[in-house]
Amino acid sequence: MDATVVQPASPDQRAQIQAVKAAVKTLNDAPKDEKFGPDNELTFFLDRASRQAVVRIVNRNTGEVVQQIPNERVLRMAEEYTGG
């Protein structure tokens, strides 16, 4: 999957993206708890094909995706729906 960041078209979309990025940064900077674990962090990007925001919990040490929202199947369905 191509995880290239795509700039949203509208100023409102850009503001929403910045708000999500700030929330992710806040969570990553907070003391680690059982929810994410000490080796995990949140990442955020826009899926190029579907243009959907994706949030992942990723293991810092291995790069393994622990959890992703929305999952790949949902992203591909969105891509098909939008004609991407």
PDB file of N, CA and C in Angstrom:
ATOM      1  N   MET A   1       0.845  -1.181   0.000  1.00  0.00           N
ATOM      2  CA  MET A   1       0.000   0.000   0.000  1.00  0.00           C
ATOM      3  C   MET A   1       0.885   1.237   0.000  1.00  0.00           C
ATOM      4  N   ASP A   2       0.470   2.227  -0.739  1.00  0.00           N
ATOM      5  CA  ASP A   2       1.199   3.485  -0.818  1.00  0.00           C
ATOM      6  C   ASP A   2       0.711   4.403   0.291  1.00  0.00           C
ATOM      7  N   ALA A   3       1.601   4.765   1.206  1.00  0.00           N
ATOM      8  CA  ALA A   3       1.222   5.609   2.342  1.00  0.00           C
ATOM      9  C   ALA A   3       1.649   7.054   2.123  1.00  0.00           C
ATOM     10  N   THR A   4       1.713   7.488   0.876  1.00  0.00           N
ATOM     11  CA  THR A   4       2.078   8.853   0.566  1.00  0.00           C
ATOM     12  C   THR A   4       1.010   9.803   1.072  1.00  0.00           C
ATOM     13  N   VAL A   5       1.430  10.876   1.692  1.00  0.00           N
ATOM     14  CA  VAL A   5       0.483  11.861   2.207  1.00  0.00           C
ATOM     15  C   VAL A   5      -0.041  12.693   1.049  1.00  0.00           C
ATOM     16  N   VAL A   6      -1.357  12.860   1.004  1.00  0.00           N
ATOM     17  CA  VAL A   6      -2.015  13.646  -0.032  1.00  0.00           C
ATOM     18  C   VAL A   6      -2.657  14.846   0.641  1.00  0.00           C
ATOM     19  N   GLN A   7      -2.396  16.044   0.136  1.00  0.00           N
ATOM     20  CA  GLN A   7      -2.992  17.252   0.705  1.00  0.00           C
ATOM     21  C   GLN A   7      -4.476  17.304   0.372  1.00  0.00           C
ATOM     22  N   PRO A   8      -5.334  17.482   1.362  1.00  0.00           N
ATOM     23  CA  PRO A   8      -6.758  17.658   1.105  1.00  0.00           C
ATOM     24  C   PRO A   8      -7.004  18.930   0.307  1.00  0.00           C
ATOM     25  N   ALA A   9      -8.121  18.971  -0.362  1.00  0.00           N
ATOM     26  CA  ALA A   9      -8.406  20.088  -1.256  1.00  0.00           C
ATOM     27  C   ALA A   9      -8.862  21.349  -0.537  1.00  0.00           C
ATOM     28  N   SER A  10      -9.684  21.212   0.477  1.00  0.00           N
ATOM     29  CA  SER A  10     -10.295  22.408   1.055  1.00  0.00           C
ATOM     30  C   SER A  10      -9.615  22.842   2.353  1.00  0.00           C
ATOM     31  N   PRO A  11      -9.721  24.133   2.687  1.00  0.00           N
ATOM     32  CA  PRO A  11      -9.183  24.615   3.964  1.00  0.00           C
ATOM     33  C   PRO A  11      -9.820  23.922   5.167  1.00  0.00           C
ATOM     34  N   ASP A  12     -11.114  23.598   5.064  1.00  0.00           N
ATOM     35  CA  ASP A  12     -11.794  22.906   6.159  1.00  0.00           C
ATOM     36  C   ASP A  12     -11.197  21.519   6.373  1.00  0.00           C
ATOM     37  N   GLN A  13     -10.918  20.815   5.278  1.00  0.00           N
ATOM     38  CA  GLN A  13     -10.293  19.496   5.398  1.00  0.00           C
ATOM     39  C   GLN A  13      -8.911  19.615   6.018  1.00  0.00           C
ATOM     40  N   ARG A  14      -8.149  20.604   5.621  1.00  0.00           N
ATOM     41  CA  ARG A  14      -6.807  20.807   6.182  1.00  0.00           C
ATOM     42  C   ARG A  14      -6.887  21.088   7.679  1.00  0.00           C
ATOM     43  N   ALA A  15      -7.879  21.867   8.097  1.00  0.00           N
ATOM     44  CA  ALA A  15      -8.054  22.164   9.525  1.00  0.00           C
ATOM     45  C   ALA A  15      -8.400  20.893  10.294  1.00  0.00           C
ATOM     46  N   GLN A  16      -9.248  20.057   9.722  1.00  0.00           N
ATOM     47  CA  GLN A  16      -9.606  18.799  10.375  1.00  0.00           C
ATOM     48  C   GLN A  16      -8.387  17.884  10.497  1.00  0.00           C
ATOM     49  N   ILE A  17      -7.595  17.819   9.462  1.00  0.00           N
ATOM     50  CA  ILE A  17      -6.381  16.994   9.476  1.00  0.00           C
ATOM     51  C   ILE A  17      -5.430  17.489  10.559  1.00  0.00           C
ATOM     52  N   GLN A  18      -5.249  18.788  10.662  1.00  0.00           N
ATOM     53  CA  GLN A  18      -4.356  19.344  11.677  1.00  0.00           C
ATOM     54  C   GLN A  18      -4.856  19.025  13.081  1.00  0.00           C
ATOM     55  N   ALA A  19      -6.173  19.049  13.278  1.00  0.00           N
ATOM     56  CA  ALA A  19      -6.734  18.723  14.582  1.00  0.00           C
ATOM     57  C   ALA A  19      -6.469  17.258  14.939  1.00  0.00           C
ATOM     58  N   VAL A  20      -6.601  16.375  13.970  1.00  0.00           N
ATOM     59  CA  VAL A  20      -6.327  14.956  14.216  1.00  0.00           C
ATOM     60  C   VAL A  20      -4.843  14.752  14.499  1.00  0.00           C
ATOM     61  N   LYS A  21      -3.978  15.409  13.736  1.00  0.00           N
ATOM     62  CA  LYS A  21      -2.529  15.301  13.970  1.00  0.00           C
ATOM     63  C   LYS A  21      -2.171  15.764  15.383  1.00  0.00           C
ATOM     64  N   ALA A  22      -2.795  16.851  15.824  1.00  0.00           N
ATOM     65  CA  ALA A  22      -2.518  17.360  17.170  1.00  0.00           C
ATOM     66  C   ALA A  22      -2.980  16.355  18.224  1.00  0.00           C
ATOM     67  N   ALA A  23      -4.135  15.738  18.009  1.00  0.00           N
ATOM     68  CA  ALA A  23      -4.639  14.739  18.953  1.00  0.00           C
ATOM     69  C   ALA A  23      -3.716  13.529  19.006  1.00  0.00           C
ATOM     70  N   VAL A  24      -3.245  13.076  17.848  1.00  0.00           N
ATOM     71  CA  VAL A  24      -2.323  11.936  17.796  1.00  0.00           C
ATOM     72  C   VAL A  24      -1.034  12.278  18.522  1.00  0.00           C
ATOM     73  N   LYS A  25      -0.506  13.480  18.302  1.00  0.00           N
ATOM     74  CA  LYS A  25       0.730  13.896  18.973  1.00  0.00           C
ATOM     75  C   LYS A  25       0.534  13.927  20.487  1.00  0.00           C
ATOM     76  N   THR A  26      -0.595  14.452  20.920  1.00  0.00           N
ATOM     77  CA  THR A  26      -0.889  14.509  22.350  1.00  0.00           C
ATOM     78  C   THR A  26      -0.917  13.108  22.951  1.00  0.00           C
ATOM     79  N   LEU A  27      -1.577  12.179  22.263  1.00  0.00           N
ATOM     80  CA  LEU A  27      -1.629  10.799  22.756  1.00  0.00           C
ATOM     81  C   LEU A  27      -0.252  10.154  22.776  1.00  0.00           C
ATOM     82  N   ASN A  28       0.551  10.398  21.737  1.00  0.00           N
ATOM     83  CA  ASN A  28       1.893   9.812  21.680  1.00  0.00           C
ATOM     84  C   ASN A  28       2.804  10.391  22.757  1.00  0.00           C
ATOM     85  N   ASP A  29       2.599  11.650  23.127  1.00  0.00           N
ATOM     86  CA  ASP A  29       3.450  12.298  24.134  1.00  0.00           C
ATOM     87  C   ASP A  29       3.006  11.993  25.566  1.00  0.00           C
ATOM     88  N   ALA A  30       1.787  11.475  25.719  1.00  0.00           N
ATOM     89  CA  ALA A  30       1.264  11.172  27.055  1.00  0.00           C
ATOM     90  C   ALA A  30       1.988   9.962  27.637  1.00  0.00           C
ATOM     91  N   PRO A  31       1.972   9.841  28.973  1.00  0.00           N
ATOM     92  CA  PRO A  31       2.576   8.646  29.589  1.00  0.00           C
ATOM     93  C   PRO A  31       1.950   7.387  29.004  1.00  0.00           C
ATOM     94  N   LYS A  32       2.795   6.397  28.761  1.00  0.00           N
ATOM     95  CA  LYS A  32       2.323   5.166  28.132  1.00  0.00           C
ATOM     96  C   LYS A  32       1.488   4.355  29.114  1.00  0.00           C
ATOM     97  N   ASP A  33       0.431   3.754  28.601  1.00  0.00           N
ATOM     98  CA  ASP A  33      -0.416   2.909  29.432  1.00  0.00           C
ATOM     99  C   ASP A  33      -0.651   1.576  28.728  1.00  0.00           C
ATOM    100  N   GLU A  34      -1.528   0.778  29.276  1.00  0.00           N
ATOM    101  CA  GLU A  34      -1.796  -0.541  28.724  1.00  0.00           C
ATOM    102  C   GLU A  34      -2.484  -0.483  27.363  1.00  0.00           C
ATOM    103  N   LYS A  35      -3.140   0.614  27.065  1.00  0.00           N
ATOM    104  CA  LYS A  35      -3.899   0.700  25.819  1.00  0.00           C
ATOM    105  C   LYS A  35      -2.989   0.588  24.598  1.00  0.00           C
ATOM    106  N   PHE A  36      -1.918   1.355  24.558  1.00  0.00           N
ATOM    107  CA  PHE A  36      -1.023   1.332  23.406  1.00  0.00           C
ATOM    108  C   PHE A  36       0.251   0.569  23.712  1.00  0.00           C
ATOM    109  N   GLY A  37       0.611   0.477  24.966  1.00  0.00           N
ATOM    110  CA  GLY A  37       1.849  -0.195  25.347  1.00  0.00           C
ATOM    111  C   GLY A  37       3.039   0.724  25.182  1.00  0.00           C
ATOM    112  N   PRO A  38       4.128   0.442  25.875  1.00  0.00           N
ATOM    113  CA  PRO A  38       5.288   1.319  25.837  1.00  0.00           C
ATOM    114  C   PRO A  38       6.028   1.299  24.499  1.00  0.00           C
ATOM    115  N   ASP A  39       5.812   0.269  23.685  1.00  0.00           N
ATOM    116  CA  ASP A  39       6.523   0.162  22.410  1.00  0.00           C
ATOM    117  C   ASP A  39       5.696   0.599  21.219  1.00  0.00           C
ATOM    118  N   ASN A  40       4.465   1.038  21.449  1.00  0.00           N
ATOM    119  CA  ASN A  40       3.571   1.399  20.356  1.00  0.00           C
ATOM    120  C   ASN A  40       3.328   2.895  20.293  1.00  0.00           C
ATOM    121  N   GLU A  41       3.003   3.358  19.089  1.00  0.00           N
ATOM    122  CA  GLU A  41       2.646   4.756  18.898  1.00  0.00           C
ATOM    123  C   GLU A  41       1.552   4.852  17.849  1.00  0.00           C
ATOM    124  N   LEU A  42       0.825   5.963  17.875  1.00  0.00           N
ATOM    125  CA  LEU A  42      -0.181   6.229  16.856  1.00  0.00           C
ATOM    126  C   LEU A  42       0.478   6.908  15.674  1.00  0.00           C
ATOM    127  N   THR A  43       0.045   6.541  14.482  1.00  0.00           N
ATOM    128  CA  THR A  43       0.461   7.245  13.274  1.00  0.00           C
ATOM    129  C   THR A  43      -0.805   7.621  12.511  1.00  0.00           C
ATOM    130  N   PHE A  44      -0.670   8.603  11.664  1.00  0.00           N
ATOM    131  CA  PHE A  44      -1.804   9.131  10.923  1.00  0.00           C
ATOM    132  C   PHE A  44      -1.364   9.435   9.505  1.00  0.00           C
ATOM    133  N   PHE A  45      -2.189   9.088   8.521  1.00  0.00           N
ATOM    134  CA  PHE A  45      -1.915   9.479   7.141  1.00  0.00           C
ATOM    135  C   PHE A  45      -3.207   9.425   6.342  1.00  0.00           C
ATOM    136  N   LEU A  46      -3.164   9.976   5.149  1.00  0.00           N
ATOM    137  CA  LEU A  46      -4.285   9.868   4.221  1.00  0.00           C
ATOM    138  C   LEU A  46      -3.949   8.798   3.200  1.00  0.00           C
ATOM    139  N   ASP A  47      -4.840   7.837   3.036  1.00  0.00           N
ATOM    140  CA  ASP A  47      -4.656   6.812   2.023  1.00  0.00           C
ATOM    141  C   ASP A  47      -4.835   7.466   0.665  1.00  0.00           C
ATOM    142  N   ARG A  48      -3.826   7.351  -0.170  1.00  0.00           N
ATOM    143  CA  ARG A  48      -3.816   8.036  -1.465  1.00  0.00           C
ATOM    144  C   ARG A  48      -4.976   7.592  -2.358  1.00  0.00           C
ATOM    145  N   ALA A  49      -5.214   6.311  -2.433  1.00  0.00           N
ATOM    146  CA  ALA A  49      -6.227   5.795  -3.356  1.00  0.00           C
ATOM    147  C   ALA A  49      -7.654   6.151  -2.937  1.00  0.00           C
ATOM    148  N   SER A  50      -7.971   5.996  -1.655  1.00  0.00           N
ATOM    149  CA  SER A  50      -9.339   6.243  -1.199  1.00  0.00           C
ATOM    150  C   SER A  50      -9.549   7.652  -0.650  1.00  0.00           C
ATOM    151  N   ARG A  51      -8.432   8.347  -0.371  1.00  0.00           N
ATOM    152  CA  ARG A  51      -8.450   9.682   0.233  1.00  0.00           C
ATOM    153  C   ARG A  51      -9.123   9.661   1.605  1.00  0.00           C
ATOM    154  N   GLN A  52      -8.982   8.557   2.323  1.00  0.00           N
ATOM    155  CA  GLN A  52      -9.534   8.399   3.663  1.00  0.00           C
ATOM    156  C   GLN A  52      -8.432   8.580   4.694  1.00  0.00           C
ATOM    157  N   ALA A  53      -8.778   9.194   5.805  1.00  0.00           N
ATOM    158  CA  ALA A  53      -7.844   9.315   6.917  1.00  0.00           C
ATOM    159  C   ALA A  53      -7.671   7.938   7.547  1.00  0.00           C
ATOM    160  N   VAL A  54      -6.416   7.587   7.866  1.00  0.00           N
ATOM    161  CA  VAL A  54      -6.102   6.298   8.458  1.00  0.00           C
ATOM    162  C   VAL A  54      -5.295   6.533   9.730  1.00  0.00           C
ATOM    163  N   VAL A  55      -5.698   5.881  10.801  1.00  0.00           N
ATOM    164  CA  VAL A  55      -4.967   5.936  12.061  1.00  0.00           C
ATOM    165  C   VAL A  55      -4.479   4.525  12.358  1.00  0.00           C
ATOM    166  N   ARG A  56      -3.207   4.412  12.692  1.00  0.00           N
ATOM    167  CA  ARG A  56      -2.622   3.109  13.002  1.00  0.00           C
ATOM    168  C   ARG A  56      -1.948   3.148  14.359  1.00  0.00           C
ATOM    169  N   ILE A  57      -1.970   2.008  15.044  1.00  0.00           N
ATOM    170  CA  ILE A  57      -1.109   1.771  16.192  1.00  0.00           C
ATOM    171  C   ILE A  57       0.026   0.918  15.645  1.00  0.00           C
ATOM    172  N   VAL A  58       1.258   1.434  15.752  1.00  0.00           N
ATOM    173  CA  VAL A  58       2.426   0.786  15.161  1.00  0.00           C
ATOM    174  C   VAL A  58       3.462   0.516  16.249  1.00  0.00           C
ATOM    175  N   ASN A  59       4.073  -0.667  16.198  1.00  0.00           N
ATOM    176  CA  ASN A  59       5.158  -0.995  17.104  1.00  0.00           C
ATOM    177  C   ASN A  59       6.383  -0.215  16.665  1.00  0.00           C
ATOM    178  N   ARG A  60       6.929   0.629  17.546  1.00  0.00           N
ATOM    179  CA  ARG A  60       8.094   1.464  17.216  1.00  0.00           C
ATOM    180  C   ARG A  60       9.319   0.636  16.864  1.00  0.00           C
ATOM    181  N   ASN A  61       9.482  -0.511  17.520  1.00  0.00           N
ATOM    182  CA  ASN A  61      10.683  -1.312  17.338  1.00  0.00           C
ATOM    183  C   ASN A  61      10.681  -2.121  16.050  1.00  0.00           C
ATOM    184  N   THR A  62       9.514  -2.664  15.687  1.00  0.00           N
ATOM    185  CA  THR A  62       9.449  -3.558  14.531  1.00  0.00           C
ATOM    186  C   THR A  62       8.787  -2.935  13.313  1.00  0.00           C
ATOM    187  N   GLY A  63       8.025  -1.846  13.522  1.00  0.00           N
ATOM    188  CA  GLY A  63       7.275  -1.248  12.426  1.00  0.00           C
ATOM    189  C   GLY A  63       5.979  -1.992  12.116  1.00  0.00           C
ATOM    190  N   GLU A  64       5.682  -3.036  12.892  1.00  0.00           N
ATOM    191  CA  GLU A  64       4.478  -3.831  12.681  1.00  0.00           C
ATOM    192  C   GLU A  64       3.236  -3.010  13.009  1.00  0.00           C
ATOM    193  N   VAL A  65       2.228  -3.106  12.144  1.00  0.00           N
ATOM    194  CA  VAL A  65       0.942  -2.459  12.395  1.00  0.00           C
ATOM    195  C   VAL A  65       0.160  -3.345  13.348  1.00  0.00           C
ATOM    196  N   VAL A  66      -0.096  -2.832  14.548  1.00  0.00           N
ATOM    197  CA  VAL A  66      -0.831  -3.566  15.566  1.00  0.00           C
ATOM    198  C   VAL A  66      -2.328  -3.475  15.291  1.00  0.00           C
ATOM    199  N   GLN A  67      -2.783  -2.286  14.924  1.00  0.00           N
ATOM    200  CA  GLN A  67      -4.189  -2.067  14.596  1.00  0.00           C
ATOM    201  C   GLN A  67      -4.286  -0.896  13.640  1.00  0.00           C
ATOM    202  N   GLN A  68      -5.286  -0.944  12.752  1.00  0.00           N
ATOM    203  CA  GLN A  68      -5.500   0.134  11.793  1.00  0.00           C
ATOM    204  C   GLN A  68      -6.985   0.410  11.687  1.00  0.00           C
ATOM    205  N   ILE A  69      -7.316   1.716  11.663  1.00  0.00           N
ATOM    206  CA  ILE A  69      -8.708   2.149  11.504  1.00  0.00           C
ATOM    207  C   ILE A  69      -8.748   3.209  10.408  1.00  0.00           C
ATOM    208  N   PRO A  70      -9.545   3.034   9.361  1.00  0.00           N
ATOM    209  CA  PRO A  70     -10.261   1.834   8.974  1.00  0.00           C
ATOM    210  C   PRO A  70      -9.296   0.778   8.441  1.00  0.00           C
ATOM    211  N   ASN A  71      -9.744  -0.490   8.420  1.00  0.00           N
ATOM    212  CA  ASN A  71      -8.863  -1.552   7.954  1.00  0.00           C
ATOM    213  C   ASN A  71      -8.729  -1.516   6.430  1.00  0.00           C
ATOM    214  N   GLU A  72      -7.822  -2.324   5.894  1.00  0.00           N
ATOM    215  CA  GLU A  72      -7.531  -2.308   4.457  1.00  0.00           C
ATOM    216  C   GLU A  72      -8.763  -2.617   3.609  1.00  0.00           C
ATOM    217  N   ARG A  73      -9.582  -3.544   4.067  1.00  0.00           N
ATOM    218  CA  ARG A  73     -10.770  -3.903   3.296  1.00  0.00           C
ATOM    219  C   ARG A  73     -11.698  -2.701   3.144  1.00  0.00           C
ATOM    220  N   VAL A  74     -11.899  -1.970   4.207  1.00  0.00           N
ATOM    221  CA  VAL A  74     -12.759  -0.780   4.155  1.00  0.00           C
ATOM    222  C   VAL A  74     -12.151   0.275   3.236  1.00  0.00           C
ATOM    223  N   LEU A  75     -10.836   0.451   3.302  1.00  0.00           N
ATOM    224  CA  LEU A  75     -10.174   1.428   2.424  1.00  0.00           C
ATOM    225  C   LEU A  75     -10.362   1.065   0.956  1.00  0.00           C
ATOM    226  N   ARG A  76     -10.227  -0.234   0.618  1.00  0.00           N
ATOM    227  CA  ARG A  76     -10.381  -0.650  -0.786  1.00  0.00           C
ATOM    228  C   ARG A  76     -11.819  -0.505  -1.238  1.00  0.00           C
ATOM    229  N   MET A  77     -12.782  -0.759  -0.335  1.00  0.00           N
ATOM    230  CA  MET A  77     -14.191  -0.553  -0.672  1.00  0.00           C
ATOM    231  C   MET A  77     -14.456   0.929  -0.943  1.00  0.00           C
ATOM    232  N   ALA A  78     -13.890   1.803  -0.123  1.00  0.00           N
ATOM    233  CA  ALA A  78     -14.050   3.246  -0.320  1.00  0.00           C
ATOM    234  C   ALA A  78     -13.423   3.664  -1.639  1.00  0.00           C
ATOM    235  N   GLU A  79     -12.279   3.073  -1.956  1.00  0.00           N
ATOM    236  CA  GLU A  79     -11.607   3.392  -3.225  1.00  0.00           C
ATOM    237  C   GLU A  79     -12.487   3.002  -4.416  1.00  0.00           C
ATOM    238  N   GLU A  80     -13.072   1.812  -4.361  1.00  0.00           N
ATOM    239  CA  GLU A  80     -13.958   1.357  -5.437  1.00  0.00           C
ATOM    240  C   GLU A  80     -15.184   2.254  -5.549  1.00  0.00           C
ATOM    241  N   TYR A  81     -15.741   2.639  -4.399  1.00  0.00           N
ATOM    242  CA  TYR A  81     -16.944   3.474  -4.386  1.00  0.00           C
ATOM    243  C   TYR A  81     -16.681   4.848  -5.008  1.00  0.00           C
ATOM    244  N   THR A  82     -15.503   5.410  -4.713  1.00  0.00           N
ATOM    245  CA  THR A  82     -15.185   6.747  -5.230  1.00  0.00           C
ATOM    246  C   THR A  82     -14.569   6.702  -6.623  1.00  0.00           C
ATOM    247  N   GLY A  83     -14.345   5.499  -7.136  1.00  0.00           N
ATOM    248  CA  GLY A  83     -13.783   5.384  -8.473  1.00  0.00           C
ATOM    249  C   GLY A  83     -12.300   5.625  -8.540  1.00  0.00           C
ATOM    250  N   GLY A  84     -11.584   5.456  -7.386  1.00  0.00           N
ATOM    251  CA  GLY A  84     -10.145   5.703  -7.307  1.00  0.00           C
ATOM    252  C   GLY A  84      -9.295   4.692  -7.925  1.00  0.00           C
TER     253      GLY A  84
END
